[in-house]
N, C-alpha and C. Protein backbone atom coordinates (compact mmCIF):
# COMPACT_ATOMS: atom_id res chain seq x y z
N UNK A 1 -17.40 100.08 11.85
CA UNK A 1 -16.77 99.86 13.14
C UNK A 1 -15.72 98.75 13.05
N UNK A 2 -16.07 97.65 12.36
CA UNK A 2 -15.15 96.54 12.22
C UNK A 2 -13.89 96.97 11.47
N UNK A 3 -14.09 97.82 10.44
CA UNK A 3 -12.95 98.30 9.67
C UNK A 3 -12.01 99.13 10.55
N UNK A 4 -12.58 99.94 11.43
CA UNK A 4 -11.77 100.76 12.33
C UNK A 4 -10.98 99.88 13.29
N UNK A 5 -11.66 98.86 13.84
CA UNK A 5 -10.98 97.95 14.77
C UNK A 5 -9.85 97.20 14.07
N UNK A 6 -10.09 96.78 12.83
CA UNK A 6 -9.05 96.08 12.07
C UNK A 6 -7.86 96.99 11.81
N UNK A 7 -8.14 98.26 11.50
CA UNK A 7 -7.07 99.22 11.24
C UNK A 7 -6.23 99.44 12.50
N UNK A 8 -6.90 99.54 13.65
CA UNK A 8 -6.19 99.71 14.92
C UNK A 8 -5.31 98.50 15.19
N UNK A 9 -5.84 97.30 14.93
CA UNK A 9 -5.08 96.06 15.16
C UNK A 9 -3.84 96.02 14.29
N UNK A 10 -3.97 96.39 13.01
CA UNK A 10 -2.83 96.40 12.10
C UNK A 10 -1.75 97.37 12.57
N UNK A 11 -2.19 98.56 13.00
CA UNK A 11 -1.23 99.56 13.50
C UNK A 11 -0.50 99.04 14.73
N UNK A 12 -1.25 98.39 15.64
CA UNK A 12 -0.62 97.83 16.84
C UNK A 12 0.39 96.76 16.50
N UNK A 13 0.07 95.89 15.56
CA UNK A 13 0.99 94.83 15.15
C UNK A 13 2.23 95.41 14.51
N UNK A 14 2.05 96.44 13.70
CA UNK A 14 3.20 97.09 13.07
C UNK A 14 4.09 97.72 14.13
N UNK A 15 3.47 98.29 15.16
CA UNK A 15 4.23 98.92 16.24
C UNK A 15 5.03 97.89 17.00
N UNK A 16 4.43 96.72 17.27
CA UNK A 16 5.14 95.65 17.97
C UNK A 16 6.34 95.20 17.16
N UNK A 17 6.15 95.00 15.84
CA UNK A 17 7.26 94.57 14.98
C UNK A 17 8.38 95.59 14.98
N UNK A 18 8.02 96.88 14.95
CA UNK A 18 9.03 97.93 14.93
C UNK A 18 9.83 97.94 16.23
N UNK A 19 9.12 97.83 17.37
CA UNK A 19 9.80 97.82 18.67
C UNK A 19 10.73 96.62 18.76
N UNK A 20 10.26 95.46 18.30
CA UNK A 20 11.08 94.26 18.35
C UNK A 20 12.34 94.43 17.52
N UNK A 21 12.20 94.96 16.30
CA UNK A 21 13.35 95.16 15.43
C UNK A 21 14.35 96.11 16.06
N UNK A 22 13.84 97.22 16.64
CA UNK A 22 14.72 98.19 17.28
C UNK A 22 15.46 97.56 18.46
N UNK A 23 14.75 96.74 19.23
CA UNK A 23 15.38 96.09 20.37
C UNK A 23 16.50 95.18 19.93
N UNK A 24 16.28 94.40 18.90
CA UNK A 24 17.32 93.51 18.38
C UNK A 24 18.50 94.31 17.85
N UNK A 25 18.22 95.38 17.14
CA UNK A 25 19.28 96.17 16.54
C UNK A 25 20.16 96.81 17.60
N UNK A 26 19.56 97.22 18.71
CA UNK A 26 20.29 97.93 19.75
C UNK A 26 20.77 97.04 20.89
N UNK A 27 20.50 95.75 20.79
CA UNK A 27 20.86 94.84 21.88
C UNK A 27 22.37 94.69 22.00
N UNK A 28 22.83 94.57 23.23
CA UNK A 28 24.23 94.31 23.51
C UNK A 28 24.41 92.87 23.94
N UNK A 29 25.63 92.37 23.86
CA UNK A 29 25.92 91.03 24.33
C UNK A 29 25.56 90.92 25.81
N UNK A 30 24.81 89.88 26.15
CA UNK A 30 24.37 89.68 27.52
C UNK A 30 22.98 90.21 27.80
N UNK A 31 22.44 91.04 26.91
CA UNK A 31 21.10 91.57 27.13
C UNK A 31 20.04 90.56 26.71
N UNK A 32 18.81 90.80 27.12
CA UNK A 32 17.69 89.91 26.81
C UNK A 32 16.75 90.60 25.83
N UNK A 33 16.34 89.88 24.78
CA UNK A 33 15.43 90.42 23.78
C UNK A 33 14.27 89.45 23.57
N UNK A 34 13.24 89.92 22.90
CA UNK A 34 12.06 89.12 22.59
C UNK A 34 12.03 88.81 21.10
N UNK A 35 11.78 87.54 20.77
CA UNK A 35 11.66 87.17 19.35
C UNK A 35 10.89 85.86 19.27
N UNK A 36 9.78 85.86 18.55
CA UNK A 36 8.98 84.65 18.40
C UNK A 36 8.09 84.37 19.60
N UNK A 37 7.29 83.32 19.50
CA UNK A 37 6.37 82.90 20.56
C UNK A 37 6.33 81.38 20.62
N UNK A 38 6.21 80.85 21.84
CA UNK A 38 6.15 79.39 21.99
C UNK A 38 5.33 79.05 23.24
N UNK A 39 4.72 77.88 23.22
CA UNK A 39 3.97 77.41 24.38
C UNK A 39 4.87 77.40 25.62
N UNK A 40 4.37 78.02 26.71
CA UNK A 40 5.18 78.07 27.93
C UNK A 40 4.41 77.68 29.18
N UNK A 41 3.20 77.16 28.99
CA UNK A 41 2.44 76.67 30.14
C UNK A 41 1.02 77.18 30.19
N UNK A 42 0.81 78.38 29.68
CA UNK A 42 -0.54 78.96 29.63
C UNK A 42 -0.81 79.50 28.24
N UNK A 43 -0.50 78.72 27.24
CA UNK A 43 -0.60 79.17 25.87
C UNK A 43 0.72 79.74 25.39
N UNK A 44 0.74 80.17 24.15
CA UNK A 44 1.96 80.74 23.59
C UNK A 44 2.28 82.07 24.25
N UNK A 45 3.59 82.29 24.45
CA UNK A 45 4.06 83.53 25.05
C UNK A 45 5.36 83.94 24.36
N UNK A 46 5.72 85.24 24.39
CA UNK A 46 6.95 85.69 23.75
C UNK A 46 8.18 84.94 24.29
N UNK A 47 9.09 84.59 23.39
CA UNK A 47 10.32 83.90 23.78
C UNK A 47 11.39 84.93 24.13
N UNK A 48 12.00 84.75 25.29
CA UNK A 48 13.11 85.61 25.70
C UNK A 48 14.43 84.96 25.29
N UNK A 49 15.33 85.78 24.75
CA UNK A 49 16.63 85.29 24.27
C UNK A 49 17.75 86.11 24.90
N UNK A 50 18.86 85.44 25.18
CA UNK A 50 20.07 86.10 25.65
C UNK A 50 21.02 86.27 24.47
N UNK A 51 21.49 87.47 24.24
CA UNK A 51 22.42 87.74 23.14
C UNK A 51 23.81 87.24 23.52
N UNK A 52 24.32 86.27 22.75
CA UNK A 52 25.65 85.70 23.01
C UNK A 52 26.75 86.41 22.24
N UNK A 53 26.39 86.91 21.06
CA UNK A 53 27.40 87.55 20.20
C UNK A 53 26.68 88.52 19.28
N UNK A 54 27.36 89.60 18.93
CA UNK A 54 26.77 90.58 18.02
C UNK A 54 27.80 91.01 16.99
N UNK A 55 27.40 90.93 15.73
CA UNK A 55 28.19 91.43 14.62
C UNK A 55 27.45 92.63 14.03
N UNK A 56 28.01 93.22 13.00
CA UNK A 56 27.40 94.42 12.42
C UNK A 56 25.99 94.16 11.90
N UNK A 57 25.77 92.96 11.35
CA UNK A 57 24.49 92.70 10.70
C UNK A 57 23.69 91.56 11.32
N UNK A 58 24.16 90.98 12.45
CA UNK A 58 23.44 89.86 13.03
C UNK A 58 23.76 89.69 14.51
N UNK A 59 22.87 88.98 15.20
CA UNK A 59 23.10 88.63 16.59
C UNK A 59 22.89 87.12 16.76
N UNK A 60 23.68 86.53 17.64
CA UNK A 60 23.53 85.12 18.00
C UNK A 60 22.85 85.06 19.35
N UNK A 61 21.76 84.26 19.45
CA UNK A 61 20.94 84.29 20.65
C UNK A 61 20.63 82.88 21.16
N UNK A 62 20.64 82.74 22.48
CA UNK A 62 20.30 81.51 23.19
C UNK A 62 19.03 81.76 24.00
N UNK A 63 18.07 80.84 23.95
CA UNK A 63 16.84 81.05 24.71
C UNK A 63 17.16 81.17 26.20
N UNK A 64 16.52 82.12 26.85
CA UNK A 64 16.77 82.35 28.28
C UNK A 64 16.30 81.16 29.11
N UNK A 65 15.13 80.62 28.75
CA UNK A 65 14.56 79.46 29.42
C UNK A 65 14.63 78.26 28.49
N UNK A 66 14.65 77.07 29.07
CA UNK A 66 14.52 75.90 28.22
C UNK A 66 13.06 75.80 27.79
N UNK A 67 12.83 75.48 26.52
CA UNK A 67 11.49 75.64 25.95
C UNK A 67 10.73 74.34 25.75
N UNK A 68 11.41 73.21 25.84
CA UNK A 68 10.73 71.94 25.64
C UNK A 68 11.61 70.83 26.20
N UNK A 69 11.08 69.63 26.19
CA UNK A 69 11.82 68.46 26.68
C UNK A 69 11.76 67.38 25.61
N UNK A 70 12.92 67.00 25.08
CA UNK A 70 12.99 66.02 24.01
C UNK A 70 14.24 65.17 24.19
N UNK A 71 14.21 63.89 23.76
CA UNK A 71 15.47 63.14 23.70
C UNK A 71 16.35 63.70 22.59
N UNK A 72 17.65 63.54 22.72
CA UNK A 72 18.56 63.95 21.65
C UNK A 72 18.27 63.14 20.39
N UNK A 73 18.06 61.84 20.59
CA UNK A 73 17.64 60.97 19.50
C UNK A 73 16.65 59.97 20.08
N UNK A 74 15.62 59.65 19.35
CA UNK A 74 14.49 58.90 19.90
C UNK A 74 14.82 57.45 20.23
N UNK A 75 15.86 56.90 19.63
CA UNK A 75 16.29 55.53 19.94
C UNK A 75 17.81 55.54 20.12
N UNK A 76 18.31 54.60 20.91
CA UNK A 76 19.76 54.51 21.10
C UNK A 76 20.41 54.07 19.79
N UNK A 77 21.36 54.83 19.33
CA UNK A 77 22.10 54.51 18.10
C UNK A 77 23.49 55.11 18.24
N UNK A 78 24.46 54.29 18.49
CA UNK A 78 25.81 54.77 18.76
C UNK A 78 26.41 55.55 17.60
N UNK A 79 25.89 55.34 16.40
CA UNK A 79 26.43 56.02 15.22
C UNK A 79 25.86 57.41 15.01
N UNK A 80 24.80 57.73 15.73
CA UNK A 80 24.12 59.01 15.51
C UNK A 80 24.92 60.16 16.12
N UNK A 81 25.06 61.22 15.33
CA UNK A 81 25.65 62.47 15.81
C UNK A 81 24.60 63.58 15.65
N UNK A 82 24.97 64.79 15.96
CA UNK A 82 24.07 65.93 15.79
C UNK A 82 23.46 65.97 14.40
N UNK A 83 24.23 65.64 13.38
CA UNK A 83 23.76 65.78 12.01
C UNK A 83 22.56 64.90 11.70
N UNK A 84 22.44 63.74 12.36
CA UNK A 84 21.35 62.82 12.05
C UNK A 84 20.29 62.72 13.14
N UNK A 85 20.47 63.42 14.25
CA UNK A 85 19.60 63.16 15.41
C UNK A 85 18.18 63.72 15.21
N UNK A 86 17.24 63.13 15.92
CA UNK A 86 15.84 63.55 15.80
C UNK A 86 15.61 64.94 16.40
N UNK A 87 16.43 65.34 17.38
CA UNK A 87 16.26 66.66 17.97
C UNK A 87 16.59 67.77 16.97
N UNK A 88 17.63 67.57 16.18
CA UNK A 88 17.97 68.54 15.14
C UNK A 88 16.83 68.65 14.12
N UNK A 89 16.27 67.52 13.74
CA UNK A 89 15.15 67.53 12.79
C UNK A 89 13.95 68.28 13.37
N UNK A 90 13.68 68.06 14.64
CA UNK A 90 12.54 68.73 15.27
C UNK A 90 12.77 70.24 15.36
N UNK A 91 13.98 70.66 15.76
CA UNK A 91 14.26 72.09 15.88
C UNK A 91 14.10 72.81 14.55
N UNK A 92 14.55 72.17 13.47
CA UNK A 92 14.52 72.80 12.16
C UNK A 92 13.25 72.47 11.37
N UNK A 93 12.30 71.84 12.04
CA UNK A 93 11.02 71.52 11.43
C UNK A 93 9.87 72.05 12.26
N UNK A 94 9.34 71.20 13.14
CA UNK A 94 8.18 71.57 13.95
C UNK A 94 8.42 72.81 14.81
N UNK A 95 9.60 72.88 15.45
CA UNK A 95 9.84 74.00 16.35
C UNK A 95 9.89 75.34 15.61
N UNK A 96 10.71 75.42 14.58
CA UNK A 96 10.86 76.69 13.87
C UNK A 96 9.55 77.16 13.26
N UNK A 97 8.73 76.23 12.81
CA UNK A 97 7.45 76.60 12.21
C UNK A 97 6.42 77.00 13.26
N UNK A 98 6.55 76.46 14.46
CA UNK A 98 5.63 76.81 15.53
C UNK A 98 6.02 78.10 16.23
N UNK A 99 7.32 78.32 16.42
CA UNK A 99 7.79 79.43 17.25
C UNK A 99 7.87 80.76 16.51
N UNK A 100 7.98 80.72 15.19
CA UNK A 100 8.22 81.95 14.42
C UNK A 100 7.24 82.07 13.26
N UNK A 101 6.78 83.29 13.02
CA UNK A 101 5.94 83.51 11.86
C UNK A 101 6.82 83.65 10.60
N UNK A 102 6.18 83.85 9.47
CA UNK A 102 6.92 83.88 8.20
C UNK A 102 7.96 84.99 8.18
N UNK A 103 7.59 86.16 8.68
CA UNK A 103 8.52 87.29 8.70
C UNK A 103 9.71 87.01 9.61
N UNK A 104 9.44 86.40 10.75
CA UNK A 104 10.53 86.08 11.69
C UNK A 104 11.44 85.00 11.12
N UNK A 105 10.87 84.00 10.49
CA UNK A 105 11.70 82.94 9.89
C UNK A 105 12.61 83.50 8.82
N UNK A 106 12.14 84.51 8.10
CA UNK A 106 12.95 85.10 7.04
C UNK A 106 14.19 85.81 7.60
N UNK A 107 14.14 86.18 8.87
CA UNK A 107 15.26 86.89 9.49
C UNK A 107 16.28 85.94 10.11
N UNK A 108 15.94 84.66 10.22
CA UNK A 108 16.85 83.68 10.81
C UNK A 108 17.89 83.29 9.77
N UNK A 109 19.15 83.41 10.12
CA UNK A 109 20.25 83.14 9.19
C UNK A 109 20.75 81.71 9.42
N UNK A 110 20.71 80.84 8.39
CA UNK A 110 21.28 79.50 8.54
C UNK A 110 22.78 79.58 8.88
N UNK A 111 23.21 78.73 9.78
CA UNK A 111 24.59 78.73 10.27
C UNK A 111 25.25 77.40 9.91
N UNK A 112 26.48 77.46 9.42
CA UNK A 112 27.26 76.24 9.21
C UNK A 112 27.96 75.90 10.52
N UNK A 113 27.58 74.78 11.10
CA UNK A 113 28.10 74.38 12.41
C UNK A 113 29.13 73.26 12.29
N UNK A 114 30.25 73.43 12.97
CA UNK A 114 31.26 72.40 13.09
C UNK A 114 31.16 71.81 14.49
N UNK A 115 31.01 70.49 14.56
CA UNK A 115 30.86 69.80 15.83
C UNK A 115 31.89 68.68 15.90
N UNK A 116 32.57 68.55 17.02
CA UNK A 116 33.61 67.53 17.18
C UNK A 116 33.04 66.14 16.91
N UNK A 117 33.76 65.35 16.11
CA UNK A 117 33.37 63.97 15.81
C UNK A 117 32.00 63.86 15.13
N UNK A 118 31.66 64.87 14.35
CA UNK A 118 30.38 64.85 13.61
C UNK A 118 30.54 65.64 12.33
N UNK A 119 29.77 65.31 11.30
CA UNK A 119 29.83 66.09 10.05
C UNK A 119 29.37 67.52 10.28
N UNK A 120 29.88 68.45 9.48
CA UNK A 120 29.38 69.82 9.51
C UNK A 120 27.92 69.85 9.08
N UNK A 121 27.18 70.77 9.65
CA UNK A 121 25.75 70.89 9.32
C UNK A 121 25.42 72.35 9.07
N UNK A 122 24.34 72.57 8.34
CA UNK A 122 23.78 73.91 8.18
C UNK A 122 22.44 73.93 8.87
N UNK A 123 22.33 74.77 9.90
CA UNK A 123 21.14 74.77 10.76
C UNK A 123 20.56 76.17 10.89
N UNK A 124 19.24 76.24 10.86
CA UNK A 124 18.56 77.48 11.19
C UNK A 124 18.39 77.61 12.69
N UNK A 125 18.11 76.48 13.34
CA UNK A 125 18.01 76.41 14.80
C UNK A 125 18.91 75.28 15.26
N UNK A 126 19.62 75.49 16.35
CA UNK A 126 20.58 74.46 16.79
C UNK A 126 20.80 74.55 18.28
N UNK A 127 21.68 73.69 18.79
CA UNK A 127 22.11 73.70 20.18
C UNK A 127 23.56 74.16 20.23
N UNK A 128 23.98 74.65 21.38
CA UNK A 128 25.39 74.97 21.55
C UNK A 128 26.22 73.69 21.57
N UNK A 129 27.43 73.76 21.03
CA UNK A 129 28.41 72.69 21.21
C UNK A 129 29.13 72.91 22.53
N UNK A 130 29.89 71.93 22.97
CA UNK A 130 30.67 72.10 24.20
C UNK A 130 31.68 73.23 24.04
N UNK A 131 32.32 73.32 22.89
CA UNK A 131 33.28 74.41 22.65
C UNK A 131 32.60 75.77 22.69
N UNK A 132 31.42 75.88 22.09
CA UNK A 132 30.69 77.16 22.10
C UNK A 132 30.22 77.51 23.51
N UNK A 133 29.82 76.51 24.26
CA UNK A 133 29.43 76.76 25.66
C UNK A 133 30.59 77.40 26.41
N UNK A 134 31.79 76.83 26.25
CA UNK A 134 32.96 77.36 26.95
C UNK A 134 33.35 78.75 26.45
N UNK A 135 33.05 79.04 25.19
CA UNK A 135 33.37 80.35 24.63
C UNK A 135 32.39 81.42 25.08
N UNK A 136 31.10 81.15 24.93
CA UNK A 136 30.09 82.17 25.20
C UNK A 136 29.64 82.23 26.66
N UNK A 137 29.70 81.09 27.33
CA UNK A 137 29.27 81.02 28.74
C UNK A 137 30.38 80.34 29.54
N UNK A 138 31.50 81.00 29.71
CA UNK A 138 32.67 80.35 30.31
C UNK A 138 32.54 80.03 31.80
N UNK A 139 31.68 80.76 32.52
CA UNK A 139 31.54 80.46 33.95
C UNK A 139 30.24 79.71 34.19
N UNK A 140 30.27 78.85 35.17
CA UNK A 140 29.14 77.95 35.43
C UNK A 140 27.87 78.71 35.79
N UNK A 141 27.99 79.80 36.49
CA UNK A 141 26.82 80.57 36.89
C UNK A 141 26.00 81.04 35.70
N UNK A 142 26.69 81.44 34.63
CA UNK A 142 26.01 81.96 33.45
C UNK A 142 25.27 80.88 32.67
N UNK A 143 25.55 79.62 32.96
CA UNK A 143 24.93 78.50 32.23
C UNK A 143 23.65 78.00 32.88
N UNK A 144 23.42 78.40 34.10
CA UNK A 144 22.27 77.88 34.86
C UNK A 144 20.97 78.36 34.21
N UNK A 145 20.04 77.43 34.02
CA UNK A 145 18.80 77.77 33.31
C UNK A 145 17.58 77.28 34.06
N UNK A 146 16.49 77.99 33.85
CA UNK A 146 15.19 77.57 34.35
C UNK A 146 14.36 77.02 33.20
N UNK A 147 13.47 76.12 33.54
CA UNK A 147 12.55 75.54 32.55
C UNK A 147 11.21 76.25 32.62
N UNK A 148 10.55 76.38 31.48
CA UNK A 148 9.19 76.89 31.50
C UNK A 148 8.26 75.84 32.12
N UNK A 149 7.10 76.30 32.53
CA UNK A 149 6.10 75.38 33.08
C UNK A 149 5.78 74.27 32.08
N UNK A 150 5.68 74.65 30.81
CA UNK A 150 5.38 73.66 29.77
C UNK A 150 6.48 72.61 29.68
N UNK A 151 7.75 73.03 29.76
CA UNK A 151 8.87 72.10 29.68
C UNK A 151 8.80 71.07 30.80
N UNK A 152 8.47 71.52 32.00
CA UNK A 152 8.34 70.60 33.13
C UNK A 152 7.18 69.64 32.89
N UNK A 153 6.09 70.15 32.35
CA UNK A 153 4.93 69.30 32.05
C UNK A 153 5.30 68.20 31.05
N UNK A 154 6.24 68.50 30.16
CA UNK A 154 6.67 67.53 29.16
C UNK A 154 7.67 66.51 29.70
N UNK A 155 8.02 66.64 30.97
CA UNK A 155 8.93 65.68 31.60
C UNK A 155 10.32 66.21 31.86
N UNK A 156 10.53 67.51 31.67
CA UNK A 156 11.85 68.09 31.87
C UNK A 156 12.34 67.96 33.31
N UNK A 157 13.59 67.55 33.46
CA UNK A 157 14.18 67.33 34.77
C UNK A 157 14.61 68.65 35.40
N UNK A 158 14.25 68.84 36.66
CA UNK A 158 14.70 70.01 37.41
C UNK A 158 15.24 69.55 38.76
N UNK A 159 16.14 70.34 39.31
CA UNK A 159 16.70 70.04 40.62
C UNK A 159 15.65 70.23 41.70
N UNK A 160 15.55 69.28 42.62
CA UNK A 160 14.58 69.40 43.72
C UNK A 160 14.98 70.49 44.71
N UNK A 161 16.25 70.84 44.73
CA UNK A 161 16.72 71.85 45.69
C UNK A 161 16.69 73.27 45.13
N UNK A 162 17.00 73.41 43.84
CA UNK A 162 17.09 74.76 43.27
C UNK A 162 16.02 75.06 42.22
N UNK A 163 15.39 74.03 41.67
CA UNK A 163 14.40 74.24 40.62
C UNK A 163 15.01 74.52 39.25
N UNK A 164 16.32 74.48 39.15
CA UNK A 164 16.99 74.72 37.87
C UNK A 164 17.00 73.44 37.05
N UNK A 165 17.23 73.56 35.75
CA UNK A 165 17.06 72.42 34.87
C UNK A 165 18.36 71.94 34.23
N UNK A 166 18.28 70.82 33.55
CA UNK A 166 19.38 70.19 32.85
C UNK A 166 19.10 70.31 31.35
N UNK A 167 20.09 70.73 30.55
CA UNK A 167 19.81 70.95 29.12
C UNK A 167 20.91 70.38 28.21
N UNK A 168 20.46 69.98 27.02
CA UNK A 168 21.34 69.32 26.05
C UNK A 168 22.32 70.28 25.39
N UNK A 169 23.52 69.76 25.09
CA UNK A 169 24.42 70.34 24.10
C UNK A 169 24.36 69.44 22.87
N UNK A 170 25.11 69.77 21.83
CA UNK A 170 25.05 68.94 20.62
C UNK A 170 26.29 68.05 20.45
N UNK A 171 27.23 68.11 21.39
CA UNK A 171 28.49 67.38 21.29
C UNK A 171 28.41 66.02 21.97
N UNK A 172 28.90 64.99 21.31
CA UNK A 172 28.91 63.66 21.90
C UNK A 172 29.89 63.62 23.07
N UNK A 173 29.54 62.83 24.09
CA UNK A 173 30.37 62.69 25.28
C UNK A 173 31.32 61.51 25.11
N UNK A 174 31.92 61.08 26.22
CA UNK A 174 32.96 60.05 26.15
C UNK A 174 32.44 58.74 25.58
N UNK A 175 31.26 58.31 26.01
CA UNK A 175 30.65 57.09 25.45
C UNK A 175 29.92 57.44 24.16
N UNK A 176 29.98 56.55 23.19
CA UNK A 176 29.41 56.85 21.87
C UNK A 176 27.91 57.06 21.89
N UNK A 177 27.23 56.50 22.90
CA UNK A 177 25.77 56.66 22.95
C UNK A 177 25.34 57.80 23.86
N UNK A 178 26.29 58.63 24.29
CA UNK A 178 25.99 59.70 25.24
C UNK A 178 26.29 61.08 24.65
N UNK A 179 25.55 62.06 25.12
CA UNK A 179 25.67 63.45 24.67
C UNK A 179 25.93 64.34 25.88
N UNK A 180 26.71 65.38 25.69
CA UNK A 180 26.99 66.30 26.78
C UNK A 180 25.72 67.02 27.24
N UNK A 181 25.63 67.24 28.54
CA UNK A 181 24.49 67.90 29.17
C UNK A 181 25.01 68.96 30.13
N UNK A 182 24.35 70.11 30.16
CA UNK A 182 24.63 71.12 31.19
C UNK A 182 23.72 70.82 32.37
N UNK A 183 24.31 70.66 33.55
CA UNK A 183 23.55 70.29 34.73
C UNK A 183 22.90 71.52 35.38
N UNK A 184 22.09 71.26 36.37
CA UNK A 184 21.33 72.33 37.02
C UNK A 184 22.22 73.40 37.64
N UNK A 185 23.48 73.03 37.99
CA UNK A 185 24.39 73.99 38.61
C UNK A 185 25.37 74.60 37.61
N UNK A 186 25.16 74.33 36.31
CA UNK A 186 26.01 74.91 35.28
C UNK A 186 27.24 74.10 34.95
N UNK A 187 27.42 72.97 35.59
CA UNK A 187 28.60 72.14 35.32
C UNK A 187 28.33 71.14 34.19
N UNK A 188 29.42 70.62 33.64
CA UNK A 188 29.35 69.53 32.67
C UNK A 188 30.41 68.51 33.07
N UNK A 189 30.32 67.32 32.52
CA UNK A 189 31.38 66.34 32.71
C UNK A 189 31.55 65.55 31.43
N UNK A 190 32.56 64.69 31.39
CA UNK A 190 32.87 63.98 30.14
C UNK A 190 31.91 62.85 29.83
N UNK A 191 31.03 62.52 30.79
CA UNK A 191 30.17 61.35 30.61
C UNK A 191 28.86 61.67 29.90
N UNK A 192 28.28 62.83 30.14
CA UNK A 192 26.99 63.17 29.53
C UNK A 192 25.91 62.20 29.97
N UNK A 193 24.97 61.95 29.05
CA UNK A 193 23.93 60.95 29.33
C UNK A 193 23.44 60.38 28.00
N UNK A 194 22.69 59.28 28.12
CA UNK A 194 22.23 58.55 26.93
C UNK A 194 21.38 59.43 26.03
N UNK A 195 21.61 59.33 24.74
CA UNK A 195 20.93 60.21 23.79
C UNK A 195 19.42 60.01 23.77
N UNK A 196 18.94 58.84 24.20
CA UNK A 196 17.49 58.62 24.17
C UNK A 196 16.81 59.04 25.47
N UNK A 197 17.59 59.57 26.42
CA UNK A 197 17.00 60.03 27.68
C UNK A 197 15.97 61.12 27.40
N UNK A 198 14.78 60.97 27.97
CA UNK A 198 13.67 61.89 27.67
C UNK A 198 13.42 62.89 28.79
N UNK A 199 14.46 63.19 29.59
CA UNK A 199 14.29 64.10 30.73
C UNK A 199 15.07 65.40 30.59
N UNK A 200 15.88 65.51 29.53
CA UNK A 200 16.70 66.70 29.37
C UNK A 200 16.01 67.72 28.47
N UNK A 201 16.29 68.97 28.72
CA UNK A 201 15.52 70.04 28.09
C UNK A 201 16.29 70.72 26.96
N UNK A 202 15.56 71.55 26.23
CA UNK A 202 16.07 72.11 24.98
C UNK A 202 16.17 73.62 25.07
N UNK A 203 17.37 74.13 24.79
CA UNK A 203 17.64 75.57 24.81
C UNK A 203 18.11 75.96 23.41
N UNK A 204 17.20 76.34 22.54
CA UNK A 204 17.56 76.61 21.15
C UNK A 204 18.49 77.82 21.00
N UNK A 205 19.23 77.81 19.89
CA UNK A 205 20.11 78.91 19.50
C UNK A 205 19.75 79.32 18.08
N UNK A 206 19.70 80.63 17.82
CA UNK A 206 19.44 81.14 16.48
C UNK A 206 20.33 82.36 16.20
N UNK A 207 20.57 82.60 14.92
CA UNK A 207 21.27 83.81 14.48
C UNK A 207 20.28 84.65 13.68
N UNK A 208 20.15 85.93 14.05
CA UNK A 208 19.12 86.80 13.47
C UNK A 208 19.75 87.94 12.70
N UNK A 209 19.19 88.21 11.53
CA UNK A 209 19.60 89.35 10.71
C UNK A 209 19.05 90.64 11.32
N UNK A 210 19.92 91.59 11.61
CA UNK A 210 19.49 92.90 12.14
C UNK A 210 19.85 94.03 11.20
N UNK A 211 20.17 93.69 9.95
CA UNK A 211 20.63 94.71 9.01
C UNK A 211 19.51 95.55 8.45
N UNK A 212 18.28 95.07 8.51
CA UNK A 212 17.17 95.82 7.93
C UNK A 212 16.24 96.37 8.99
């Protein structure tokens, strides 16, 4: 009996993987797909992603909801850019290992990112730059995001009137100790906020191989 149940479980898991792969392969820009799992308030749940760009063999995706709340860098350091910040280390360490299994991680394509006033980096998981925000989400309405219950529990800031959240970009703002932030209404400004602020939320970006 146990062997039969195990066989059924394996078949079901294979079916889920197949459906997920097909969904990614057939996804269009602007559509929502499922990939990976992360704590969202009642245990781990499938992560929803918005497809920002699609090439023949890969898709670029932004999480639909903000998934956690972290400072850009844990201490104020005017010299810190995206390349050295603690948030980048967390995304490419604890987050990627928690959110994706081995098979899913193998499909994530490292990206060489160019960020204004910062060294180029190679990232498996990253944040949008201000330039990328303007390219992929040019209107303010498309930038508005909700936080998961877990993100709010971690201290994520939300608007008292709309319930929408504020999320980090990876580009430094006008002051050297500040980073650009997307506000609850989808707007940005040149001031950003202090990199050690622990109230802004995280909207990861990944590029996925869909060739196989």
